[in-house]
Amino acid sequence: MNLKPISLLPARERVAAALREAILSHQLEPGRELSLKDAAQMLGVSVTPVREAFQQLAQEGLIALRPNRGAIILGVDEKDIRDHYELRAILEREAAMAVCRNQADLSPIRNAFDHGRDALSRGDSREYGDCNQSFHMEIWAASGNRKLEQTLSQLWNGLSMGHKVTREAYAQISMAEHAEIMAALEDRDEQLAGRLMDHHIHRSMENVLTHLNKQA
């Protein structure tokens, strides 16, 4: 299979997404202190994108910055998580529908989808995480709405895994849903593409909420 390289978010957005995912799923628990250096080492990046990501997450109310000491993780409750995913669902649903409505070029979306399928065929569920990001990004880009694309980039939080599912199992579930979305986009079925994307995001939300239910 001759695939083109996939596109990913800028470094600061990828760092923010990884930390956002960890905070929303309570992998980073409220009250925990996190230094720039520790976060950089944890994510395998330099301090610069971490510093930029910290600023973004502070604006979202997920962390509180501490001068010269990094940040402290703030608490998120079920309403915070639901609000986050409800907004994502509205915007991602619109993006998928716009792709159909605009008769957009689907080749970048198909390329990201094929990369994901290839990663899973090799049993590489971690690489699938990047392919998952790229699949959504290419849909945002194909919507033709730059503001929508920018807003969704700032909301991205990666693979929304719950505590009851392994990374491998989650990747398979996600890929099956991507396949349905891809087919609807190729059929230019605006309403079906929107419904499938809405289900995809809400199912992700329910996965994340299993972390809260486990702790309750």
N, C-alpha and C. Protein backbone atom coordinates (compact mmCIF):
# COMPACT_ATOMS: atom_id res chain seq x y z
N MET A 1 0.85 -1.20 0.00
CA MET A 1 0.00 0.00 0.00
C MET A 1 0.88 1.25 0.00
N ASN A 2 0.68 2.12 -1.00
CA ASN A 2 1.49 3.33 -1.12
C ASN A 2 0.74 4.51 -0.49
N LEU A 3 1.08 4.82 0.75
CA LEU A 3 0.36 5.86 1.48
C LEU A 3 1.20 7.11 1.61
N LYS A 4 0.54 8.25 1.57
CA LYS A 4 1.21 9.52 1.81
C LYS A 4 1.36 9.74 3.31
N PRO A 5 2.34 10.55 3.75
CA PRO A 5 2.46 10.84 5.18
C PRO A 5 1.19 11.52 5.70
N ILE A 6 0.86 11.25 6.95
CA ILE A 6 -0.33 11.87 7.53
C ILE A 6 0.03 13.20 8.19
N SER A 7 -0.96 14.08 8.29
CA SER A 7 -0.77 15.37 8.96
C SER A 7 -1.16 15.25 10.42
N LEU A 8 -0.42 15.96 11.28
CA LEU A 8 -0.73 15.97 12.70
C LEU A 8 -0.80 17.40 13.20
N LEU A 9 -1.35 17.57 14.39
CA LEU A 9 -1.42 18.88 15.01
C LEU A 9 -0.02 19.40 15.31
N PRO A 10 0.14 20.75 15.43
CA PRO A 10 1.43 21.30 15.87
C PRO A 10 1.81 20.76 17.24
N ALA A 11 3.09 20.82 17.57
CA ALA A 11 3.59 20.22 18.82
C ALA A 11 2.83 20.71 20.03
N ARG A 12 2.59 22.02 20.13
CA ARG A 12 1.92 22.55 21.32
C ARG A 12 0.51 21.99 21.45
N GLU A 13 -0.18 21.79 20.30
CA GLU A 13 -1.54 21.25 20.33
C GLU A 13 -1.51 19.76 20.69
N ARG A 14 -0.50 19.04 20.22
CA ARG A 14 -0.39 17.62 20.57
C ARG A 14 -0.12 17.45 22.06
N VAL A 15 0.73 18.31 22.61
CA VAL A 15 1.02 18.25 24.04
C VAL A 15 -0.24 18.60 24.84
N ALA A 16 -0.92 19.67 24.42
CA ALA A 16 -2.15 20.06 25.11
C ALA A 16 -3.18 18.95 25.05
N ALA A 17 -3.28 18.28 23.89
CA ALA A 17 -4.26 17.20 23.73
C ALA A 17 -3.95 16.03 24.66
N ALA A 18 -2.66 15.67 24.75
CA ALA A 18 -2.27 14.54 25.60
C ALA A 18 -2.56 14.85 27.06
N LEU A 19 -2.25 16.07 27.48
CA LEU A 19 -2.51 16.45 28.87
C LEU A 19 -4.01 16.59 29.12
N ARG A 20 -4.73 17.12 28.15
CA ARG A 20 -6.18 17.27 28.29
C ARG A 20 -6.84 15.90 28.44
N GLU A 21 -6.40 14.96 27.63
CA GLU A 21 -6.93 13.59 27.73
C GLU A 21 -6.67 13.01 29.11
N ALA A 22 -5.46 13.20 29.62
CA ALA A 22 -5.09 12.66 30.93
C ALA A 22 -5.88 13.32 32.06
N ILE A 23 -6.16 14.61 31.92
CA ILE A 23 -6.92 15.33 32.95
C ILE A 23 -8.39 14.93 32.92
N LEU A 24 -8.98 14.88 31.72
CA LEU A 24 -10.39 14.54 31.61
C LEU A 24 -10.67 13.11 32.07
N SER A 25 -9.70 12.22 31.85
CA SER A 25 -9.88 10.83 32.24
C SER A 25 -9.39 10.54 33.66
N HIS A 26 -8.90 11.60 34.34
CA HIS A 26 -8.39 11.49 35.71
C HIS A 26 -7.14 10.62 35.82
N GLN A 27 -6.42 10.45 34.70
CA GLN A 27 -5.10 9.83 34.81
C GLN A 27 -4.14 10.79 35.52
N LEU A 28 -4.36 12.08 35.30
CA LEU A 28 -3.72 13.12 36.10
C LEU A 28 -4.77 13.62 37.08
N GLU A 29 -4.61 13.29 38.34
CA GLU A 29 -5.67 13.55 39.31
C GLU A 29 -5.62 14.98 39.84
N PRO A 30 -6.79 15.51 40.22
CA PRO A 30 -6.85 16.86 40.78
C PRO A 30 -5.92 17.03 41.97
N GLY A 31 -5.23 18.16 42.00
CA GLY A 31 -4.32 18.46 43.09
C GLY A 31 -2.88 18.08 42.82
N ARG A 32 -2.66 17.30 41.79
CA ARG A 32 -1.29 16.89 41.47
C ARG A 32 -0.50 18.06 40.90
N GLU A 33 0.73 18.21 41.36
CA GLU A 33 1.62 19.22 40.81
C GLU A 33 2.37 18.62 39.62
N LEU A 34 2.52 19.42 38.58
CA LEU A 34 3.19 18.95 37.37
C LEU A 34 4.13 20.04 36.88
N SER A 35 5.42 19.75 36.89
CA SER A 35 6.41 20.72 36.44
C SER A 35 6.54 20.65 34.92
N LEU A 36 7.07 21.72 34.33
CA LEU A 36 7.32 21.74 32.90
C LEU A 36 8.27 20.60 32.51
N LYS A 37 9.30 20.40 33.32
CA LYS A 37 10.30 19.38 33.02
C LYS A 37 9.69 17.99 33.09
N ASP A 38 8.90 17.73 34.13
CA ASP A 38 8.29 16.41 34.28
C ASP A 38 7.34 16.11 33.12
N ALA A 39 6.54 17.11 32.74
CA ALA A 39 5.60 16.92 31.64
C ALA A 39 6.34 16.68 30.33
N ALA A 40 7.43 17.43 30.12
CA ALA A 40 8.23 17.26 28.91
C ALA A 40 8.83 15.86 28.83
N GLN A 41 9.35 15.37 29.96
CA GLN A 41 9.93 14.03 29.99
C GLN A 41 8.85 12.96 29.78
N MET A 42 7.71 13.17 30.38
CA MET A 42 6.61 12.22 30.26
C MET A 42 6.14 12.07 28.82
N LEU A 43 6.15 13.19 28.07
CA LEU A 43 5.64 13.19 26.71
C LEU A 43 6.74 13.09 25.65
N GLY A 44 7.99 13.13 26.09
CA GLY A 44 9.10 13.00 25.16
C GLY A 44 9.26 14.20 24.24
N VAL A 45 9.05 15.40 24.78
CA VAL A 45 9.19 16.62 23.99
C VAL A 45 10.05 17.62 24.75
N SER A 46 10.34 18.76 24.10
CA SER A 46 11.09 19.82 24.78
C SER A 46 10.15 20.62 25.68
N VAL A 47 10.72 21.48 26.48
CA VAL A 47 9.92 22.27 27.43
C VAL A 47 9.06 23.31 26.72
N THR A 48 9.51 23.81 25.57
CA THR A 48 8.81 24.91 24.90
C THR A 48 7.35 24.60 24.56
N PRO A 49 7.04 23.49 23.87
CA PRO A 49 5.61 23.22 23.60
C PRO A 49 4.81 22.92 24.86
N VAL A 50 5.47 22.42 25.91
CA VAL A 50 4.77 22.18 27.17
C VAL A 50 4.37 23.51 27.79
N ARG A 51 5.27 24.47 27.77
CA ARG A 51 4.96 25.79 28.32
C ARG A 51 3.77 26.41 27.58
N GLU A 52 3.77 26.29 26.25
CA GLU A 52 2.67 26.83 25.46
C GLU A 52 1.36 26.08 25.74
N ALA A 53 1.47 24.77 25.91
CA ALA A 53 0.28 23.96 26.21
C ALA A 53 -0.28 24.31 27.59
N PHE A 54 0.62 24.53 28.56
CA PHE A 54 0.18 24.92 29.91
C PHE A 54 -0.66 26.21 29.85
N GLN A 55 -0.22 27.16 29.04
CA GLN A 55 -0.96 28.42 28.92
C GLN A 55 -2.37 28.16 28.38
N GLN A 56 -2.47 27.29 27.39
CA GLN A 56 -3.76 26.96 26.80
C GLN A 56 -4.66 26.25 27.79
N LEU A 57 -4.12 25.28 28.52
CA LEU A 57 -4.92 24.51 29.48
C LEU A 57 -5.35 25.38 30.66
N ALA A 58 -4.51 26.34 31.01
CA ALA A 58 -4.89 27.27 32.09
C ALA A 58 -6.08 28.11 31.67
N GLN A 59 -6.11 28.53 30.40
CA GLN A 59 -7.24 29.30 29.90
C GLN A 59 -8.52 28.49 29.90
N GLU A 60 -8.38 27.19 29.74
CA GLU A 60 -9.54 26.30 29.75
C GLU A 60 -9.99 25.95 31.16
N GLY A 61 -9.21 26.32 32.15
CA GLY A 61 -9.56 26.03 33.53
C GLY A 61 -9.22 24.63 33.98
N LEU A 62 -8.34 23.95 33.23
CA LEU A 62 -7.97 22.58 33.60
C LEU A 62 -6.77 22.53 34.54
N ILE A 63 -5.94 23.57 34.49
CA ILE A 63 -4.78 23.65 35.39
C ILE A 63 -4.66 25.08 35.92
N ALA A 64 -3.94 25.21 37.03
CA ALA A 64 -3.61 26.53 37.57
C ALA A 64 -2.09 26.67 37.49
N LEU A 65 -1.62 27.74 36.85
CA LEU A 65 -0.19 27.96 36.72
C LEU A 65 0.40 28.43 38.04
N ARG A 66 1.61 27.95 38.33
CA ARG A 66 2.32 28.36 39.54
C ARG A 66 3.67 28.93 39.11
N PRO A 67 3.92 30.20 39.39
CA PRO A 67 5.15 30.85 38.95
C PRO A 67 6.40 30.03 39.30
N ASN A 68 7.16 29.70 38.26
CA ASN A 68 8.42 28.97 38.40
C ASN A 68 8.26 27.55 38.96
N ARG A 69 7.01 27.07 39.05
CA ARG A 69 6.79 25.74 39.62
C ARG A 69 5.87 24.88 38.75
N GLY A 70 5.65 25.29 37.51
CA GLY A 70 4.79 24.50 36.64
C GLY A 70 3.33 24.76 36.88
N ALA A 71 2.57 23.72 37.19
CA ALA A 71 1.12 23.87 37.32
C ALA A 71 0.57 22.85 38.30
N ILE A 72 -0.66 23.09 38.72
CA ILE A 72 -1.38 22.14 39.56
C ILE A 72 -2.66 21.75 38.82
N ILE A 73 -2.97 20.47 38.82
CA ILE A 73 -4.14 19.96 38.11
C ILE A 73 -5.41 20.34 38.87
N LEU A 74 -6.37 20.93 38.17
CA LEU A 74 -7.64 21.29 38.79
C LEU A 74 -8.65 20.17 38.57
N GLY A 75 -9.64 20.12 39.40
CA GLY A 75 -10.63 19.06 39.30
C GLY A 75 -11.61 19.27 38.16
N VAL A 76 -12.03 18.19 37.54
CA VAL A 76 -13.11 18.22 36.56
C VAL A 76 -14.17 17.23 37.01
N ASP A 77 -15.42 17.62 36.88
CA ASP A 77 -16.50 16.73 37.27
C ASP A 77 -17.24 16.24 36.03
N GLU A 78 -18.30 15.48 36.25
CA GLU A 78 -19.02 14.90 35.12
C GLU A 78 -19.57 15.97 34.19
N LYS A 79 -20.05 17.09 34.75
CA LYS A 79 -20.60 18.15 33.90
C LYS A 79 -19.52 18.76 33.02
N ASP A 80 -18.32 18.97 33.59
CA ASP A 80 -17.22 19.50 32.78
C ASP A 80 -16.94 18.60 31.58
N ILE A 81 -16.90 17.29 31.84
CA ILE A 81 -16.60 16.33 30.78
C ILE A 81 -17.72 16.31 29.75
N ARG A 82 -18.96 16.29 30.22
CA ARG A 82 -20.09 16.29 29.29
C ARG A 82 -20.12 17.57 28.46
N ASP A 83 -19.86 18.71 29.07
CA ASP A 83 -19.83 19.98 28.33
C ASP A 83 -18.77 19.95 27.24
N HIS A 84 -17.60 19.42 27.58
CA HIS A 84 -16.50 19.34 26.61
C HIS A 84 -16.90 18.49 25.41
N TYR A 85 -17.43 17.30 25.67
CA TYR A 85 -17.76 16.40 24.57
C TYR A 85 -19.01 16.84 23.81
N GLU A 86 -19.95 17.48 24.48
CA GLU A 86 -21.13 17.99 23.78
C GLU A 86 -20.72 19.04 22.76
N LEU A 87 -19.80 19.91 23.16
CA LEU A 87 -19.32 20.93 22.22
C LEU A 87 -18.57 20.28 21.06
N ARG A 88 -17.71 19.31 21.37
CA ARG A 88 -17.00 18.59 20.31
C ARG A 88 -17.99 17.92 19.37
N ALA A 89 -19.03 17.30 19.91
CA ALA A 89 -20.00 16.57 19.09
C ALA A 89 -20.70 17.52 18.13
N ILE A 90 -21.11 18.67 18.62
CA ILE A 90 -21.79 19.65 17.77
C ILE A 90 -20.89 20.07 16.61
N LEU A 91 -19.64 20.40 16.93
CA LEU A 91 -18.72 20.91 15.92
C LEU A 91 -18.25 19.81 14.96
N GLU A 92 -17.95 18.63 15.50
CA GLU A 92 -17.49 17.54 14.63
C GLU A 92 -18.61 17.04 13.74
N ARG A 93 -19.82 17.03 14.26
CA ARG A 93 -20.97 16.65 13.43
C ARG A 93 -21.12 17.62 12.26
N GLU A 94 -21.02 18.91 12.55
CA GLU A 94 -21.13 19.92 11.50
C GLU A 94 -20.01 19.78 10.48
N ALA A 95 -18.80 19.49 10.95
CA ALA A 95 -17.67 19.33 10.04
C ALA A 95 -17.92 18.18 9.07
N ALA A 96 -18.38 17.03 9.58
CA ALA A 96 -18.64 15.88 8.73
C ALA A 96 -19.74 16.18 7.71
N MET A 97 -20.77 16.88 8.15
CA MET A 97 -21.86 17.22 7.25
C MET A 97 -21.39 18.20 6.17
N ALA A 98 -20.54 19.15 6.55
CA ALA A 98 -20.03 20.14 5.60
C ALA A 98 -19.18 19.49 4.52
N VAL A 99 -18.43 18.45 4.90
CA VAL A 99 -17.61 17.73 3.91
C VAL A 99 -18.51 17.19 2.80
N CYS A 100 -19.64 16.61 3.18
CA CYS A 100 -20.59 16.08 2.19
C CYS A 100 -21.24 17.21 1.40
N ARG A 101 -21.67 18.22 2.11
CA ARG A 101 -22.38 19.35 1.50
C ARG A 101 -21.52 20.07 0.47
N ASN A 102 -20.21 20.17 0.77
CA ASN A 102 -19.30 20.92 -0.10
C ASN A 102 -18.67 20.07 -1.19
N GLN A 103 -19.02 18.76 -1.22
CA GLN A 103 -18.39 17.86 -2.19
C GLN A 103 -16.87 17.95 -2.12
N ALA A 104 -16.36 17.98 -0.89
CA ALA A 104 -14.93 18.18 -0.65
C ALA A 104 -14.10 16.98 -1.13
N ASP A 105 -12.83 17.25 -1.41
CA ASP A 105 -11.89 16.19 -1.77
C ASP A 105 -11.69 15.28 -0.56
N LEU A 106 -11.96 14.00 -0.74
CA LEU A 106 -11.89 13.04 0.36
C LEU A 106 -10.54 12.33 0.45
N SER A 107 -9.65 12.56 -0.50
CA SER A 107 -8.41 11.78 -0.54
C SER A 107 -7.55 11.93 0.71
N PRO A 108 -7.42 13.13 1.32
CA PRO A 108 -6.64 13.21 2.57
C PRO A 108 -7.30 12.44 3.72
N ILE A 109 -8.63 12.44 3.77
CA ILE A 109 -9.35 11.70 4.81
C ILE A 109 -9.15 10.20 4.59
N ARG A 110 -9.30 9.77 3.34
CA ARG A 110 -9.10 8.36 3.02
C ARG A 110 -7.67 7.92 3.32
N ASN A 111 -6.70 8.78 3.07
CA ASN A 111 -5.30 8.45 3.36
C ASN A 111 -5.10 8.22 4.85
N ALA A 112 -5.66 9.11 5.68
CA ALA A 112 -5.53 8.94 7.13
C ALA A 112 -6.25 7.67 7.59
N PHE A 113 -7.41 7.41 7.01
CA PHE A 113 -8.17 6.19 7.34
C PHE A 113 -7.35 4.95 6.99
N ASP A 114 -6.76 4.94 5.80
CA ASP A 114 -5.98 3.77 5.36
C ASP A 114 -4.74 3.58 6.24
N HIS A 115 -4.12 4.67 6.67
CA HIS A 115 -2.99 4.58 7.60
C HIS A 115 -3.43 3.89 8.89
N GLY A 116 -4.61 4.27 9.39
CA GLY A 116 -5.11 3.67 10.62
C GLY A 116 -5.38 2.19 10.45
N ARG A 117 -5.98 1.83 9.34
CA ARG A 117 -6.27 0.42 9.07
C ARG A 117 -4.97 -0.38 8.97
N ASP A 118 -3.96 0.21 8.33
CA ASP A 118 -2.66 -0.45 8.20
C ASP A 118 -2.01 -0.64 9.56
N ALA A 119 -2.10 0.40 10.41
CA ALA A 119 -1.50 0.31 11.75
C ALA A 119 -2.13 -0.83 12.54
N LEU A 120 -3.45 -0.95 12.46
CA LEU A 120 -4.13 -2.01 13.20
C LEU A 120 -3.83 -3.39 12.62
N SER A 121 -3.65 -3.46 11.31
CA SER A 121 -3.32 -4.75 10.70
C SER A 121 -1.97 -5.26 11.19
N ARG A 122 -1.10 -4.32 11.60
CA ARG A 122 0.21 -4.68 12.15
C ARG A 122 0.18 -4.77 13.67
N GLY A 123 -1.00 -4.58 14.26
CA GLY A 123 -1.13 -4.65 15.71
C GLY A 123 -0.54 -3.47 16.44
N ASP A 124 -0.36 -2.34 15.73
CA ASP A 124 0.25 -1.16 16.33
C ASP A 124 -0.83 -0.17 16.77
N SER A 125 -1.40 -0.42 17.93
CA SER A 125 -2.49 0.44 18.41
C SER A 125 -1.99 1.82 18.83
N ARG A 126 -0.71 1.94 19.17
CA ARG A 126 -0.18 3.25 19.53
C ARG A 126 -0.05 4.15 18.31
N GLU A 127 0.43 3.58 17.21
CA GLU A 127 0.49 4.37 15.97
C GLU A 127 -0.92 4.76 15.54
N TYR A 128 -1.88 3.90 15.85
CA TYR A 128 -3.26 4.21 15.49
C TYR A 128 -3.71 5.53 16.12
N GLY A 129 -3.18 5.86 17.30
CA GLY A 129 -3.55 7.12 17.95
C GLY A 129 -3.26 8.32 17.06
N ASP A 130 -2.10 8.31 16.40
CA ASP A 130 -1.78 9.40 15.47
C ASP A 130 -2.71 9.38 14.26
N CYS A 131 -3.02 8.19 13.78
CA CYS A 131 -3.91 8.07 12.62
C CYS A 131 -5.32 8.55 12.96
N ASN A 132 -5.75 8.26 14.17
CA ASN A 132 -7.04 8.73 14.66
C ASN A 132 -7.09 10.25 14.65
N GLN A 133 -6.04 10.87 15.18
CA GLN A 133 -5.96 12.33 15.18
C GLN A 133 -6.02 12.87 13.76
N SER A 134 -5.25 12.26 12.86
CA SER A 134 -5.18 12.75 11.48
C SER A 134 -6.52 12.60 10.76
N PHE A 135 -7.22 11.49 11.01
CA PHE A 135 -8.53 11.26 10.38
C PHE A 135 -9.48 12.40 10.73
N HIS A 136 -9.55 12.75 12.01
CA HIS A 136 -10.43 13.84 12.43
C HIS A 136 -9.95 15.17 11.87
N MET A 137 -8.64 15.41 11.93
CA MET A 137 -8.09 16.67 11.41
C MET A 137 -8.44 16.89 9.94
N GLU A 138 -8.32 15.84 9.15
CA GLU A 138 -8.59 15.98 7.72
C GLU A 138 -10.07 16.26 7.45
N ILE A 139 -10.94 15.74 8.29
CA ILE A 139 -12.37 16.07 8.17
C ILE A 139 -12.58 17.54 8.49
N TRP A 140 -11.94 18.02 9.59
CA TRP A 140 -12.08 19.44 9.92
C TRP A 140 -11.61 20.31 8.76
N ALA A 141 -10.45 19.96 8.20
CA ALA A 141 -9.87 20.75 7.12
C ALA A 141 -10.78 20.73 5.89
N ALA A 142 -11.36 19.56 5.59
CA ALA A 142 -12.20 19.42 4.40
C ALA A 142 -13.55 20.12 4.57
N SER A 143 -13.89 20.49 5.81
CA SER A 143 -15.16 21.20 6.02
C SER A 143 -15.15 22.57 5.36
N GLY A 144 -13.94 23.12 5.15
CA GLY A 144 -13.83 24.43 4.52
C GLY A 144 -14.03 25.60 5.46
N ASN A 145 -14.19 25.31 6.75
CA ASN A 145 -14.42 26.36 7.76
C ASN A 145 -13.18 26.46 8.65
N ARG A 146 -12.35 27.46 8.42
CA ARG A 146 -11.10 27.56 9.15
C ARG A 146 -11.31 27.80 10.64
N LYS A 147 -12.34 28.55 11.00
CA LYS A 147 -12.62 28.81 12.42
C LYS A 147 -13.05 27.53 13.11
N LEU A 148 -13.86 26.73 12.44
CA LEU A 148 -14.28 25.44 12.97
C LEU A 148 -13.07 24.54 13.16
N GLU A 149 -12.20 24.51 12.18
CA GLU A 149 -10.98 23.70 12.26
C GLU A 149 -10.10 24.14 13.43
N GLN A 150 -9.94 25.44 13.60
CA GLN A 150 -9.11 25.96 14.69
C GLN A 150 -9.70 25.63 16.05
N THR A 151 -11.00 25.78 16.20
CA THR A 151 -11.65 25.51 17.48
C THR A 151 -11.55 24.03 17.83
N LEU A 152 -11.77 23.15 16.86
CA LEU A 152 -11.68 21.72 17.14
C LEU A 152 -10.25 21.31 17.47
N SER A 153 -9.27 21.95 16.86
CA SER A 153 -7.87 21.67 17.20
C SER A 153 -7.59 21.95 18.66
N GLN A 154 -8.24 22.99 19.19
CA GLN A 154 -8.03 23.39 20.58
C GLN A 154 -8.85 22.54 21.55
N LEU A 155 -9.78 21.76 21.02
CA LEU A 155 -10.60 20.88 21.87
C LEU A 155 -10.12 19.43 21.85
N TRP A 156 -9.22 19.11 20.94
CA TRP A 156 -8.82 17.72 20.73
C TRP A 156 -8.24 17.12 22.01
N ASN A 157 -8.60 15.88 22.31
CA ASN A 157 -8.08 15.23 23.52
C ASN A 157 -7.68 13.77 23.29
N GLY A 158 -7.45 13.42 22.03
CA GLY A 158 -6.89 12.10 21.76
C GLY A 158 -7.86 10.96 21.96
N LEU A 159 -7.30 9.76 22.13
CA LEU A 159 -8.12 8.56 22.30
C LEU A 159 -8.82 8.58 23.66
N SER A 160 -10.14 8.54 23.64
CA SER A 160 -10.93 8.68 24.87
C SER A 160 -11.21 7.32 25.49
N MET A 161 -10.19 6.75 26.08
CA MET A 161 -10.31 5.40 26.61
C MET A 161 -10.85 5.40 28.03
N GLY A 162 -11.71 4.44 28.31
CA GLY A 162 -12.18 4.24 29.67
C GLY A 162 -11.35 3.17 30.36
N HIS A 163 -11.61 2.95 31.64
CA HIS A 163 -10.80 1.98 32.38
C HIS A 163 -11.18 0.54 32.06
N LYS A 164 -12.30 0.34 31.38
CA LYS A 164 -12.76 -1.02 31.11
C LYS A 164 -12.31 -1.54 29.74
N VAL A 165 -11.52 -0.77 29.02
CA VAL A 165 -11.14 -1.18 27.67
C VAL A 165 -9.64 -1.00 27.48
N THR A 166 -9.02 -1.97 26.81
CA THR A 166 -7.59 -1.86 26.53
C THR A 166 -7.38 -0.93 25.33
N ARG A 167 -6.15 -0.46 25.16
CA ARG A 167 -5.84 0.38 24.00
C ARG A 167 -6.13 -0.36 22.70
N GLU A 168 -5.81 -1.65 22.67
CA GLU A 168 -6.03 -2.43 21.46
C GLU A 168 -7.52 -2.56 21.14
N ALA A 169 -8.31 -2.86 22.16
CA ALA A 169 -9.74 -3.00 21.96
C ALA A 169 -10.37 -1.67 21.57
N TYR A 170 -9.90 -0.60 22.21
CA TYR A 170 -10.44 0.72 21.88
C TYR A 170 -10.15 1.08 20.43
N ALA A 171 -8.92 0.81 19.99
CA ALA A 171 -8.54 1.13 18.62
C ALA A 171 -9.43 0.40 17.62
N GLN A 172 -9.77 -0.85 17.91
CA GLN A 172 -10.64 -1.62 17.02
C GLN A 172 -12.05 -1.01 16.96
N ILE A 173 -12.56 -0.60 18.13
CA ILE A 173 -13.89 0.03 18.18
C ILE A 173 -13.86 1.34 17.38
N SER A 174 -12.84 2.15 17.63
CA SER A 174 -12.71 3.43 16.94
C SER A 174 -12.61 3.24 15.43
N MET A 175 -11.82 2.26 15.01
CA MET A 175 -11.62 2.03 13.58
C MET A 175 -12.91 1.59 12.91
N ALA A 176 -13.69 0.76 13.58
CA ALA A 176 -14.97 0.32 13.01
C ALA A 176 -15.91 1.51 12.81
N GLU A 177 -15.90 2.44 13.77
CA GLU A 177 -16.74 3.64 13.63
C GLU A 177 -16.20 4.55 12.53
N HIS A 178 -14.88 4.65 12.42
CA HIS A 178 -14.29 5.44 11.34
C HIS A 178 -14.69 4.87 9.97
N ALA A 179 -14.75 3.54 9.88
CA ALA A 179 -15.12 2.91 8.61
C ALA A 179 -16.54 3.30 8.20
N GLU A 180 -17.45 3.35 9.16
CA GLU A 180 -18.83 3.76 8.86
C GLU A 180 -18.88 5.22 8.45
N ILE A 181 -18.13 6.07 9.15
CA ILE A 181 -18.09 7.49 8.81
C ILE A 181 -17.49 7.69 7.43
N MET A 182 -16.41 6.97 7.13
CA MET A 182 -15.76 7.08 5.83
C MET A 182 -16.72 6.70 4.71
N ALA A 183 -17.47 5.63 4.91
CA ALA A 183 -18.43 5.19 3.89
C ALA A 183 -19.52 6.25 3.67
N ALA A 184 -20.01 6.85 4.75
CA ALA A 184 -21.04 7.89 4.63
C ALA A 184 -20.50 9.11 3.90
N LEU A 185 -19.23 9.46 4.18
CA LEU A 185 -18.63 10.60 3.48
C LEU A 185 -18.50 10.30 1.99
N GLU A 186 -18.08 9.09 1.66
CA GLU A 186 -17.91 8.73 0.26
C GLU A 186 -19.25 8.65 -0.47
N ASP A 187 -20.31 8.32 0.25
CA ASP A 187 -21.66 8.32 -0.32
C ASP A 187 -22.26 9.72 -0.36
N ARG A 188 -21.55 10.68 0.23
CA ARG A 188 -22.02 12.08 0.34
C ARG A 188 -23.36 12.14 1.05
N ASP A 189 -23.52 11.26 2.04
CA ASP A 189 -24.76 11.21 2.83
C ASP A 189 -24.58 12.13 4.03
N GLU A 190 -24.99 13.37 3.88
CA GLU A 190 -24.75 14.40 4.89
C GLU A 190 -25.35 14.05 6.24
N GLN A 191 -26.60 13.63 6.24
CA GLN A 191 -27.28 13.35 7.51
C GLN A 191 -26.68 12.14 8.22
N LEU A 192 -26.39 11.08 7.47
CA LEU A 192 -25.81 9.88 8.07
C LEU A 192 -24.41 10.18 8.60
N ALA A 193 -23.62 10.91 7.85
CA ALA A 193 -22.26 11.25 8.31
C ALA A 193 -22.33 12.02 9.62
N GLY A 194 -23.28 12.95 9.71
CA GLY A 194 -23.44 13.72 10.94
C GLY A 194 -23.85 12.87 12.11
N ARG A 195 -24.80 11.96 11.89
CA ARG A 195 -25.27 11.09 12.97
C ARG A 195 -24.16 10.15 13.45
N LEU A 196 -23.42 9.60 12.51
CA LEU A 196 -22.35 8.68 12.88
C LEU A 196 -21.24 9.39 13.66
N MET A 197 -20.92 10.60 13.24
CA MET A 197 -19.89 11.35 13.96
C MET A 197 -20.39 11.72 15.36
N ASP A 198 -21.63 12.10 15.47
CA ASP A 198 -22.21 12.43 16.77
C ASP A 198 -22.12 11.22 17.70
N HIS A 199 -22.48 10.05 17.20
CA HIS A 199 -22.40 8.82 18.00
C HIS A 199 -20.96 8.53 18.40
N HIS A 200 -20.03 8.72 17.47
CA HIS A 200 -18.61 8.47 17.72
C HIS A 200 -18.10 9.31 18.89
N ILE A 201 -18.45 10.59 18.91
CA ILE A 201 -17.98 11.48 19.98
C ILE A 201 -18.68 11.17 21.29
N HIS A 202 -19.98 10.91 21.25
CA HIS A 202 -20.69 10.60 22.50
C HIS A 202 -20.24 9.27 23.09
N ARG A 203 -19.93 8.30 22.25
CA ARG A 203 -19.41 7.04 22.76
C ARG A 203 -18.05 7.26 23.43
N SER A 204 -17.24 8.13 22.85
CA SER A 204 -15.97 8.49 23.48
C SER A 204 -16.19 9.11 24.85
N MET A 205 -17.19 9.97 24.94
CA MET A 205 -17.51 10.61 26.21
C MET A 205 -17.88 9.57 27.28
N GLU A 206 -18.70 8.61 26.90
CA GLU A 206 -19.11 7.58 27.87
C GLU A 206 -17.91 6.75 28.32
N ASN A 207 -16.94 6.53 27.43
CA ASN A 207 -15.72 5.83 27.83
C ASN A 207 -14.98 6.59 28.92
N VAL A 208 -14.82 7.89 28.71
CA VAL A 208 -14.11 8.72 29.69
C VAL A 208 -14.84 8.73 31.02
N LEU A 209 -16.16 8.77 30.98
CA LEU A 209 -16.93 8.84 32.22
C LEU A 209 -16.80 7.58 33.05
N THR A 210 -16.33 6.47 32.47
CA THR A 210 -16.14 5.27 33.28
C THR A 210 -15.07 5.49 34.34
N HIS A 211 -14.14 6.40 34.09
CA HIS A 211 -13.11 6.71 35.11
C HIS A 211 -13.77 7.35 36.33
N LEU A 212 -14.71 8.28 36.09
CA LEU A 212 -15.39 8.92 37.21
C LEU A 212 -16.26 7.92 37.95
N ASN A 213 -16.98 7.07 37.19
CA ASN A 213 -17.85 6.08 37.81
C ASN A 213 -17.06 5.10 38.67
N LYS A 214 -15.84 4.79 38.21
CA LYS A 214 -15.00 3.86 38.97
C LYS A 214 -14.60 4.46 40.30
N GLN A 215 -14.40 5.80 40.30
CA GLN A 215 -13.93 6.45 41.52
C GLN A 215 -15.09 6.81 42.46
N ALA A 216 -16.30 6.80 41.91
CA ALA A 216 -17.47 7.21 42.73
C ALA A 216 -17.75 6.18 43.83
